[in-house]
Amino acid sequence: MAGRCFTQEGMVYQNPWTSKMEYFDYGTESYRPLCSNVNCLHNDEECFAVYLDQNATVLGRIGNNWYYHMWLENGTGIFCSCDLDGKRSG
């Protein structure tokens, strides 16, 4: 469980009620799933917010990217990254 990551602009956190990784913007006081897919229903692992909630163990921010750790099925741990809006990198 990644939990939460605080920044100057907002906070990313695992919402236990929605089972999604969400972003809270301090300026607008609004919440949104960490997903950049247009028309996404945010209800399965095709949604990056759901995928992160189910797979990320640690989450942090450096510059314009979120970095997260996850475990592969073979037991290997890897670090991955995504854009601030949740668009998967590489």
PDB file of N, CA and C in Angstrom:
ATOM      1  N   MET A   1       0.843  -1.188   0.000  1.00  0.00           N
ATOM      2  CA  MET A   1       0.000   0.000   0.000  1.00  0.00           C
ATOM      3  C   MET A   1       0.884   1.246   0.000  1.00  0.00           C
ATOM      4  N   ALA A   2       0.686   2.097  -0.983  1.00  0.00           N
ATOM      5  CA  ALA A   2       1.496   3.303  -1.118  1.00  0.00           C
ATOM      6  C   ALA A   2       1.096   4.373  -0.108  1.00  0.00           C
ATOM      7  N   GLY A   3      -0.155   4.387   0.306  1.00  0.00           N
ATOM      8  CA  GLY A   3      -0.597   5.376   1.288  1.00  0.00           C
ATOM      9  C   GLY A   3      -0.824   6.730   0.689  1.00  0.00           C
ATOM     10  N   ARG A   4       0.107   7.659   0.966  1.00  0.00           N
ATOM     11  CA  ARG A   4      -0.066   9.027   0.468  1.00  0.00           C
ATOM     12  C   ARG A   4       1.281   9.702   0.255  1.00  0.00           C
ATOM     13  N   CYS A   5       1.262  10.734  -0.581  1.00  0.00           N
ATOM     14  CA  CYS A   5       2.449  11.533  -0.855  1.00  0.00           C
ATOM     15  C   CYS A   5       2.018  12.993  -0.916  1.00  0.00           C
ATOM     16  N   PHE A   6       2.584  13.809  -0.038  1.00  0.00           N
ATOM     17  CA  PHE A   6       2.251  15.230   0.037  1.00  0.00           C
ATOM     18  C   PHE A   6       3.221  16.042  -0.799  1.00  0.00           C
ATOM     19  N   THR A   7       2.693  17.050  -1.526  1.00  0.00           N
ATOM     20  CA  THR A   7       3.517  17.994  -2.273  1.00  0.00           C
ATOM     21  C   THR A   7       3.027  19.399  -1.940  1.00  0.00           C
ATOM     22  N   GLN A   8       3.667  20.415  -2.492  1.00  0.00           N
ATOM     23  CA  GLN A   8       3.237  21.786  -2.244  1.00  0.00           C
ATOM     24  C   GLN A   8       1.882  22.089  -2.888  1.00  0.00           C
ATOM     25  N   GLU A   9       1.573  21.439  -4.008  1.00  0.00           N
ATOM     26  CA  GLU A   9       0.343  21.721  -4.743  1.00  0.00           C
ATOM     27  C   GLU A   9      -0.828  20.836  -4.344  1.00  0.00           C
ATOM     28  N   GLY A  10      -0.534  19.655  -3.848  1.00  0.00           N
ATOM     29  CA  GLY A  10      -1.604  18.711  -3.548  1.00  0.00           C
ATOM     30  C   GLY A  10      -1.069  17.426  -2.950  1.00  0.00           C
ATOM     31  N   MET A  11      -1.913  16.427  -2.933  1.00  0.00           N
ATOM     32  CA  MET A  11      -1.560  15.166  -2.317  1.00  0.00           C
ATOM     33  C   MET A  11      -2.137  14.015  -3.137  1.00  0.00           C
ATOM     34  N   VAL A  12      -1.336  12.973  -3.331  1.00  0.00           N
ATOM     35  CA  VAL A  12      -1.810  11.736  -3.932  1.00  0.00           C
ATOM     36  C   VAL A  12      -2.005  10.754  -2.793  1.00  0.00           C
ATOM     37  N   TYR A  13      -3.099  10.003  -2.834  1.00  0.00           N
ATOM     38  CA  TYR A  13      -3.369   9.061  -1.754  1.00  0.00           C
ATOM     39  C   TYR A  13      -4.217   7.901  -2.261  1.00  0.00           C
ATOM     40  N   GLN A  14      -4.123   6.783  -1.567  1.00  0.00           N
ATOM     41  CA  GLN A  14      -4.972   5.643  -1.859  1.00  0.00           C
ATOM     42  C   GLN A  14      -6.275   5.829  -1.101  1.00  0.00           C
ATOM     43  N   ASN A  15      -7.355   5.993  -1.841  1.00  0.00           N
ATOM     44  CA  ASN A  15      -8.660   6.202  -1.232  1.00  0.00           C
ATOM     45  C   ASN A  15      -9.273   4.843  -0.899  1.00  0.00           C
ATOM     46  N   PRO A  16      -9.422   4.516   0.387  1.00  0.00           N
ATOM     47  CA  PRO A  16      -9.950   3.193   0.751  1.00  0.00           C
ATOM     48  C   PRO A  16     -11.418   2.997   0.388  1.00  0.00           C
ATOM     49  N   TRP A  17     -12.167   4.067   0.175  1.00  0.00           N
ATOM     50  CA  TRP A  17     -13.586   3.952  -0.156  1.00  0.00           C
ATOM     51  C   TRP A  17     -13.824   3.728  -1.639  1.00  0.00           C
ATOM     52  N   THR A  18     -12.916   4.241  -2.491  1.00  0.00           N
ATOM     53  CA  THR A  18     -13.105   4.086  -3.934  1.00  0.00           C
ATOM     54  C   THR A  18     -12.154   3.060  -4.545  1.00  0.00           C
ATOM     55  N   SER A  19     -11.133   2.629  -3.798  1.00  0.00           N
ATOM     56  CA  SER A  19     -10.101   1.701  -4.296  1.00  0.00           C
ATOM     57  C   SER A  19      -9.388   2.268  -5.521  1.00  0.00           C
ATOM     58  N   LYS A  20      -9.089   3.568  -5.443  1.00  0.00           N
ATOM     59  CA  LYS A  20      -8.354   4.248  -6.511  1.00  0.00           C
ATOM     60  C   LYS A  20      -7.260   5.123  -5.903  1.00  0.00           C
ATOM     61  N   MET A  21      -6.191   5.337  -6.670  1.00  0.00           N
ATOM     62  CA  MET A  21      -5.186   6.330  -6.309  1.00  0.00           C
ATOM     63  C   MET A  21      -5.755   7.663  -6.773  1.00  0.00           C
ATOM     64  N   GLU A  22      -5.901   8.623  -5.865  1.00  0.00           N
ATOM     65  CA  GLU A  22      -6.523   9.897  -6.193  1.00  0.00           C
ATOM     66  C   GLU A  22      -5.604  11.069  -5.853  1.00  0.00           C
ATOM     67  N   TYR A  23      -5.886  12.185  -6.490  1.00  0.00           N
ATOM     68  CA  TYR A  23      -5.118  13.416  -6.264  1.00  0.00           C
ATOM     69  C   TYR A  23      -6.055  14.460  -5.676  1.00  0.00           C
ATOM     70  N   PHE A  24      -5.601  15.102  -4.600  1.00  0.00           N
ATOM     71  CA  PHE A  24      -6.344  16.216  -4.021  1.00  0.00           C
ATOM     72  C   PHE A  24      -5.552  17.483  -4.284  1.00  0.00           C
ATOM     73  N   ASP A  25      -6.164  18.428  -4.995  1.00  0.00           N
ATOM     74  CA  ASP A  25      -5.541  19.697  -5.344  1.00  0.00           C
ATOM     75  C   ASP A  25      -5.864  20.707  -4.250  1.00  0.00           C
ATOM     76  N   TYR A  26      -4.825  21.212  -3.561  1.00  0.00           N
ATOM     77  CA  TYR A  26      -5.049  22.166  -2.468  1.00  0.00           C
ATOM     78  C   TYR A  26      -5.713  23.451  -2.965  1.00  0.00           C
ATOM     79  N   GLY A  27      -5.320  23.933  -4.154  1.00  0.00           N
ATOM     80  CA  GLY A  27      -5.833  25.200  -4.672  1.00  0.00           C
ATOM     81  C   GLY A  27      -7.311  25.157  -5.005  1.00  0.00           C
ATOM     82  N   THR A  28      -7.739  24.108  -5.682  1.00  0.00           N
ATOM     83  CA  THR A  28      -9.146  24.004  -6.093  1.00  0.00           C
ATOM     84  C   THR A  28      -9.988  23.199  -5.100  1.00  0.00           C
ATOM     85  N   GLU A  29      -9.313  22.581  -4.136  1.00  0.00           N
ATOM     86  CA  GLU A  29      -9.972  21.718  -3.150  1.00  0.00           C
ATOM     87  C   GLU A  29     -10.823  20.652  -3.841  1.00  0.00           C
ATOM     88  N   SER A  30     -10.264  20.065  -4.907  1.00  0.00           N
ATOM     89  CA  SER A  30     -10.988  19.035  -5.652  1.00  0.00           C
ATOM     90  C   SER A  30     -10.194  17.734  -5.666  1.00  0.00           C
ATOM     91  N   TYR A  31     -10.925  16.640  -5.768  1.00  0.00           N
ATOM     92  CA  TYR A  31     -10.349  15.313  -5.858  1.00  0.00           C
ATOM     93  C   TYR A  31     -10.549  14.780  -7.262  1.00  0.00           C
ATOM     94  N   ARG A  32      -9.596  13.952  -7.737  1.00  0.00           N
ATOM     95  CA  ARG A  32      -9.781  13.271  -9.011  1.00  0.00           C
ATOM     96  C   ARG A  32      -8.899  12.027  -9.034  1.00  0.00           C
ATOM     97  N   PRO A  33      -9.336  10.998  -9.732  1.00  0.00           N
ATOM     98  CA  PRO A  33      -8.494   9.808  -9.869  1.00  0.00           C
ATOM     99  C   PRO A  33      -7.209  10.158 -10.615  1.00  0.00           C
ATOM    100  N   LEU A  34      -6.115   9.520 -10.274  1.00  0.00           N
ATOM    101  CA  LEU A  34      -4.838   9.745 -10.948  1.00  0.00           C
ATOM    102  C   LEU A  34      -4.840   8.938 -12.245  1.00  0.00           C
ATOM    103  N   CYS A  35      -5.609   9.424 -13.220  1.00  0.00           N
ATOM    104  CA  CYS A  35      -5.821   8.729 -14.486  1.00  0.00           C
ATOM    105  C   CYS A  35      -5.957   9.765 -15.591  1.00  0.00           C
ATOM    106  N   SER A  36      -5.248   9.548 -16.688  1.00  0.00           N
ATOM    107  CA  SER A  36      -5.310  10.497 -17.801  1.00  0.00           C
ATOM    108  C   SER A  36      -6.174   9.989 -18.950  1.00  0.00           C
ATOM    109  N   ASN A  37      -6.804   8.822 -18.789  1.00  0.00           N
ATOM    110  CA  ASN A  37      -7.623   8.259 -19.869  1.00  0.00           C
ATOM    111  C   ASN A  37      -8.959   8.992 -19.991  1.00  0.00           C
ATOM    112  N   VAL A  38      -9.218   9.516 -21.178  1.00  0.00           N
ATOM    113  CA  VAL A  38     -10.474  10.213 -21.445  1.00  0.00           C
ATOM    114  C   VAL A  38     -11.619   9.201 -21.398  1.00  0.00           C
ATOM    115  N   ASN A  39     -12.728   9.583 -20.795  1.00  0.00           N
ATOM    116  CA  ASN A  39     -13.930   8.743 -20.679  1.00  0.00           C
ATOM    117  C   ASN A  39     -13.707   7.454 -19.894  1.00  0.00           C
ATOM    118  N   CYS A  40     -12.703   7.409 -19.055  1.00  0.00           N
ATOM    119  CA  CYS A  40     -12.435   6.230 -18.238  1.00  0.00           C
ATOM    120  C   CYS A  40     -13.487   6.128 -17.127  1.00  0.00           C
ATOM    121  N   LEU A  41     -13.948   4.928 -16.880  1.00  0.00           N
ATOM    122  CA  LEU A  41     -14.923   4.706 -15.820  1.00  0.00           C
ATOM    123  C   LEU A  41     -14.260   4.451 -14.466  1.00  0.00           C
ATOM    124  N   HIS A  42     -12.948   4.284 -14.463  1.00  0.00           N
ATOM    125  CA  HIS A  42     -12.170   4.080 -13.233  1.00  0.00           C
ATOM    126  C   HIS A  42     -12.689   2.892 -12.430  1.00  0.00           C
ATOM    127  N   ASN A  43     -12.957   1.783 -13.132  1.00  0.00           N
ATOM    128  CA  ASN A  43     -13.524   0.640 -12.430  1.00  0.00           C
ATOM    129  C   ASN A  43     -12.772  -0.676 -12.626  1.00  0.00           C
ATOM    130  N   ASP A  44     -11.629  -0.663 -13.330  1.00  0.00           N
ATOM    131  CA  ASP A  44     -10.820  -1.873 -13.467  1.00  0.00           C
ATOM    132  C   ASP A  44      -9.359  -1.475 -13.690  1.00  0.00           C
ATOM    133  N   GLU A  45      -8.462  -2.452 -13.827  1.00  0.00           N
ATOM    134  CA  GLU A  45      -7.032  -2.163 -13.929  1.00  0.00           C
ATOM    135  C   GLU A  45      -6.630  -1.488 -15.236  1.00  0.00           C
ATOM    136  N   GLU A  46      -7.547  -1.337 -16.184  1.00  0.00           N
ATOM    137  CA  GLU A  46      -7.269  -0.527 -17.371  1.00  0.00           C
ATOM    138  C   GLU A  46      -7.117   0.935 -16.969  1.00  0.00           C
ATOM    139  N   CYS A  47      -7.736   1.301 -15.868  1.00  0.00           N
ATOM    140  CA  CYS A  47      -7.613   2.641 -15.288  1.00  0.00           C
ATOM    141  C   CYS A  47      -6.345   2.680 -14.455  1.00  0.00           C
ATOM    142  N   PHE A  48      -5.487   3.655 -14.706  1.00  0.00           N
ATOM    143  CA  PHE A  48      -4.213   3.724 -13.995  1.00  0.00           C
ATOM    144  C   PHE A  48      -4.408   4.004 -12.504  1.00  0.00           C
ATOM    145  N   ALA A  49      -5.455   4.720 -12.141  1.00  0.00           N
ATOM    146  CA  ALA A  49      -5.724   4.996 -10.728  1.00  0.00           C
ATOM    147  C   ALA A  49      -6.052   3.705  -9.979  1.00  0.00           C
ATOM    148  N   VAL A  50      -6.784   2.812 -10.605  1.00  0.00           N
ATOM    149  CA  VAL A  50      -7.105   1.512 -10.003  1.00  0.00           C
ATOM    150  C   VAL A  50      -5.859   0.636  -9.990  1.00  0.00           C
ATOM    151  N   TYR A  51      -5.115   0.625 -11.106  1.00  0.00           N
ATOM    152  CA  TYR A  51      -3.883  -0.165 -11.217  1.00  0.00           C
ATOM    153  C   TYR A  51      -2.888   0.217 -10.117  1.00  0.00           C
ATOM    154  N   LEU A  52      -2.664   1.523  -9.938  1.00  0.00           N
ATOM    155  CA  LEU A  52      -1.738   1.968  -8.893  1.00  0.00           C
ATOM    156  C   LEU A  52      -2.223   1.575  -7.507  1.00  0.00           C
ATOM    157  N   ASP A  53      -3.510   1.735  -7.253  1.00  0.00           N
ATOM    158  CA  ASP A  53      -4.063   1.387  -5.944  1.00  0.00           C
ATOM    159  C   ASP A  53      -3.799  -0.072  -5.627  1.00  0.00           C
ATOM    160  N   GLN A  54      -3.908  -0.946  -6.614  1.00  0.00           N
ATOM    161  CA  GLN A  54      -3.761  -2.375  -6.395  1.00  0.00           C
ATOM    162  C   GLN A  54      -2.319  -2.849  -6.427  1.00  0.00           C
ATOM    163  N   ASN A  55      -1.400  -2.058  -7.019  1.00  0.00           N
ATOM    164  CA  ASN A  55      -0.046  -2.559  -7.234  1.00  0.00           C
ATOM    165  C   ASN A  55       1.088  -1.752  -6.602  1.00  0.00           C
ATOM    166  N   ALA A  56       0.906  -0.467  -6.396  1.00  0.00           N
ATOM    167  CA  ALA A  56       1.995   0.361  -5.869  1.00  0.00           C
ATOM    168  C   ALA A  56       2.187   0.128  -4.379  1.00  0.00           C
ATOM    169  N   THR A  57       3.452  -0.013  -3.965  1.00  0.00           N
ATOM    170  CA  THR A  57       3.747  -0.179  -2.543  1.00  0.00           C
ATOM    171  C   THR A  57       4.329   1.093  -1.941  1.00  0.00           C
ATOM    172  N   VAL A  58       4.994   1.892  -2.753  1.00  0.00           N
ATOM    173  CA  VAL A  58       5.587   3.163  -2.327  1.00  0.00           C
ATOM    174  C   VAL A  58       5.385   4.150  -3.464  1.00  0.00           C
ATOM    175  N   LEU A  59       5.096   5.395  -3.143  1.00  0.00           N
ATOM    176  CA  LEU A  59       4.866   6.414  -4.163  1.00  0.00           C
ATOM    177  C   LEU A  59       5.533   7.711  -3.736  1.00  0.00           C
ATOM    178  N   GLY A  60       6.193   8.384  -4.659  1.00  0.00           N
ATOM    179  CA  GLY A  60       6.811   9.668  -4.373  1.00  0.00           C
ATOM    180  C   GLY A  60       6.899  10.505  -5.633  1.00  0.00           C
ATOM    181  N   ARG A  61       7.229  11.763  -5.465  1.00  0.00           N
ATOM    182  CA  ARG A  61       7.304  12.685  -6.606  1.00  0.00           C
ATOM    183  C   ARG A  61       8.689  13.293  -6.695  1.00  0.00           C
ATOM    184  N   ILE A  62       9.202  13.324  -7.923  1.00  0.00           N
ATOM    185  CA  ILE A  62      10.416  14.070  -8.243  1.00  0.00           C
ATOM    186  C   ILE A  62      10.105  14.839  -9.518  1.00  0.00           C
ATOM    187  N   GLY A  63      10.207  16.165  -9.459  1.00  0.00           N
ATOM    188  CA  GLY A  63       9.935  16.987 -10.636  1.00  0.00           C
ATOM    189  C   GLY A  63       8.537  16.785 -11.165  1.00  0.00           C
ATOM    190  N   ASN A  64       8.429  16.445 -12.443  1.00  0.00           N
ATOM    191  CA  ASN A  64       7.139  16.295 -13.103  1.00  0.00           C
ATOM    192  C   ASN A  64       6.699  14.840 -13.242  1.00  0.00           C
ATOM    193  N   ASN A  65       7.184  13.978 -12.356  1.00  0.00           N
ATOM    194  CA  ASN A  65       6.813  12.569 -12.409  1.00  0.00           C
ATOM    195  C   ASN A  65       6.514  12.020 -11.029  1.00  0.00           C
ATOM    196  N   TRP A  66       5.603  11.046 -10.980  1.00  0.00           N
ATOM    197  CA  TRP A  66       5.391  10.212  -9.809  1.00  0.00           C
ATOM    198  C   TRP A  66       6.228   8.968 -10.018  1.00  0.00           C
ATOM    199  N   TYR A  67       6.895   8.517  -8.988  1.00  0.00           N
ATOM    200  CA  TYR A  67       7.661   7.281  -9.029  1.00  0.00           C
ATOM    201  C   TYR A  67       7.050   6.331  -8.016  1.00  0.00           C
ATOM    202  N   TYR A  68       6.925   5.069  -8.408  1.00  0.00           N
ATOM    203  CA  TYR A  68       6.306   4.103  -7.515  1.00  0.00           C
ATOM    204  C   TYR A  68       7.027   2.765  -7.605  1.00  0.00           C
ATOM    205  N   HIS A  69       6.937   2.017  -6.533  1.00  0.00           N
ATOM    206  CA  HIS A  69       7.517   0.686  -6.466  1.00  0.00           C
ATOM    207  C   HIS A  69       6.382  -0.324  -6.522  1.00  0.00           C
ATOM    208  N   MET A  70       6.628  -1.429  -7.211  1.00  0.00           N
ATOM    209  CA  MET A  70       5.651  -2.506  -7.243  1.00  0.00           C
ATOM    210  C   MET A  70       6.381  -3.837  -7.340  1.00  0.00           C
ATOM    211  N   TRP A  71       5.691  -4.900  -6.981  1.00  0.00           N
ATOM    212  CA  TRP A  71       6.237  -6.251  -7.054  1.00  0.00           C
ATOM    213  C   TRP A  71       5.687  -6.954  -8.285  1.00  0.00           C
ATOM    214  N   LEU A  72       6.560  -7.611  -9.027  1.00  0.00           N
ATOM    215  CA  LEU A  72       6.131  -8.429 -10.160  1.00  0.00           C
ATOM    216  C   LEU A  72       5.701  -9.808  -9.649  1.00  0.00           C
ATOM    217  N   GLU A  73       5.013 -10.568 -10.481  1.00  0.00           N
ATOM    218  CA  GLU A  73       4.529 -11.885 -10.075  1.00  0.00           C
ATOM    219  C   GLU A  73       5.660 -12.831  -9.668  1.00  0.00           C
ATOM    220  N   ASN A  74       6.862 -12.639 -10.239  1.00  0.00           N
ATOM    221  CA  ASN A  74       7.981 -13.516  -9.908  1.00  0.00           C
ATOM    222  C   ASN A  74       8.702 -13.091  -8.622  1.00  0.00           C
ATOM    223  N   GLY A  75       8.173 -12.067  -7.934  1.00  0.00           N
ATOM    224  CA  GLY A  75       8.767 -11.617  -6.678  1.00  0.00           C
ATOM    225  C   GLY A  75       9.811 -10.522  -6.816  1.00  0.00           C
ATOM    226  N   THR A  76      10.077 -10.083  -8.046  1.00  0.00           N
ATOM    227  CA  THR A  76      11.044  -9.022  -8.289  1.00  0.00           C
ATOM    228  C   THR A  76      10.387  -7.667  -8.071  1.00  0.00           C
ATOM    229  N   GLY A  77      11.048  -6.795  -7.341  1.00  0.00           N
ATOM    230  CA  GLY A  77      10.559  -5.439  -7.148  1.00  0.00           C
ATOM    231  C   GLY A  77      11.127  -4.509  -8.197  1.00  0.00           C
ATOM    232  N   ILE A  78      10.294  -3.613  -8.714  1.00  0.00           N
ATOM    233  CA  ILE A  78      10.761  -2.644  -9.711  1.00  0.00           C
ATOM    234  C   ILE A  78      10.207  -1.258  -9.375  1.00  0.00           C
ATOM    235  N   PHE A  79      10.933  -0.227  -9.833  1.00  0.00           N
ATOM    236  CA  PHE A  79      10.457   1.149  -9.738  1.00  0.00           C
ATOM    237  C   PHE A  79       9.992   1.581 -11.115  1.00  0.00           C
ATOM    238  N   CYS A  80       8.860   2.272 -11.156  1.00  0.00           N
ATOM    239  CA  CYS A  80       8.266   2.754 -12.407  1.00  0.00           C
ATOM    240  C   CYS A  80       7.923   4.230 -12.223  1.00  0.00           C
ATOM    241  N   SER A  81       7.504   4.875 -13.314  1.00  0.00           N
ATOM    242  CA  SER A  81       7.121   6.281 -13.205  1.00  0.00           C
ATOM    243  C   SER A  81       5.927   6.577 -14.096  1.00  0.00           C
ATOM    244  N   CYS A  82       5.273   7.694 -13.795  1.00  0.00           N
ATOM    245  CA  CYS A  82       4.180   8.191 -14.618  1.00  0.00           C
ATOM    246  C   CYS A  82       4.178   9.711 -14.528  1.00  0.00           C
ATOM    247  N   ASP A  83       3.510  10.344 -15.493  1.00  0.00           N
ATOM    248  CA  ASP A  83       3.369  11.792 -15.474  1.00  0.00           C
ATOM    249  C   ASP A  83       2.499  12.203 -14.285  1.00  0.00           C
ATOM    250  N   LEU A  84       2.471  13.474 -13.970  1.00  0.00           N
ATOM    251  CA  LEU A  84       1.683  13.950 -12.838  1.00  0.00           C
ATOM    252  C   LEU A  84       0.196  13.706 -13.004  1.00  0.00           C
ATOM    253  N   ASP A  85      -0.289  13.629 -14.255  1.00  0.00           N
ATOM    254  CA  ASP A  85      -1.725  13.376 -14.464  1.00  0.00           C
ATOM    255  C   ASP A  85      -2.048  11.880 -14.505  1.00  0.00           C
ATOM    256  N   GLY A  86      -1.042  11.039 -14.329  1.00  0.00           N
ATOM    257  CA  GLY A  86      -1.275   9.609 -14.312  1.00  0.00           C
ATOM    258  C   GLY A  86      -1.009   8.914 -15.624  1.00  0.00           C
ATOM    259  N   LYS A  87      -0.488   9.636 -16.627  1.00  0.00           N
ATOM    260  CA  LYS A  87      -0.167   9.001 -17.901  1.00  0.00           C
ATOM    261  C   LYS A  87       1.087   8.157 -17.714  1.00  0.00           C
ATOM    262  N   ARG A  88       0.995   6.882 -18.066  1.00  0.00           N
ATOM    263  CA  ARG A  88       2.120   5.964 -17.899  1.00  0.00           C
ATOM    264  C   ARG A  88       3.300   6.402 -18.766  1.00  0.00           C
ATOM    265  N   SER A  89       4.482   6.371 -18.184  1.00  0.00           N
ATOM    266  CA  SER A  89       5.706   6.699 -18.930  1.00  0.00           C
ATOM    267  C   SER A  89       6.235   5.427 -19.581  1.00  0.00           C
ATOM    268  N   GLY A  90       6.839   5.617 -20.761  1.00  0.00           N
ATOM    269  CA  GLY A  90       7.505   4.518 -21.452  1.00  0.00           C
ATOM    270  C   GLY A  90       6.629   3.362 -21.592  1.00  0.00           C
TER     271      GLY A  90
END
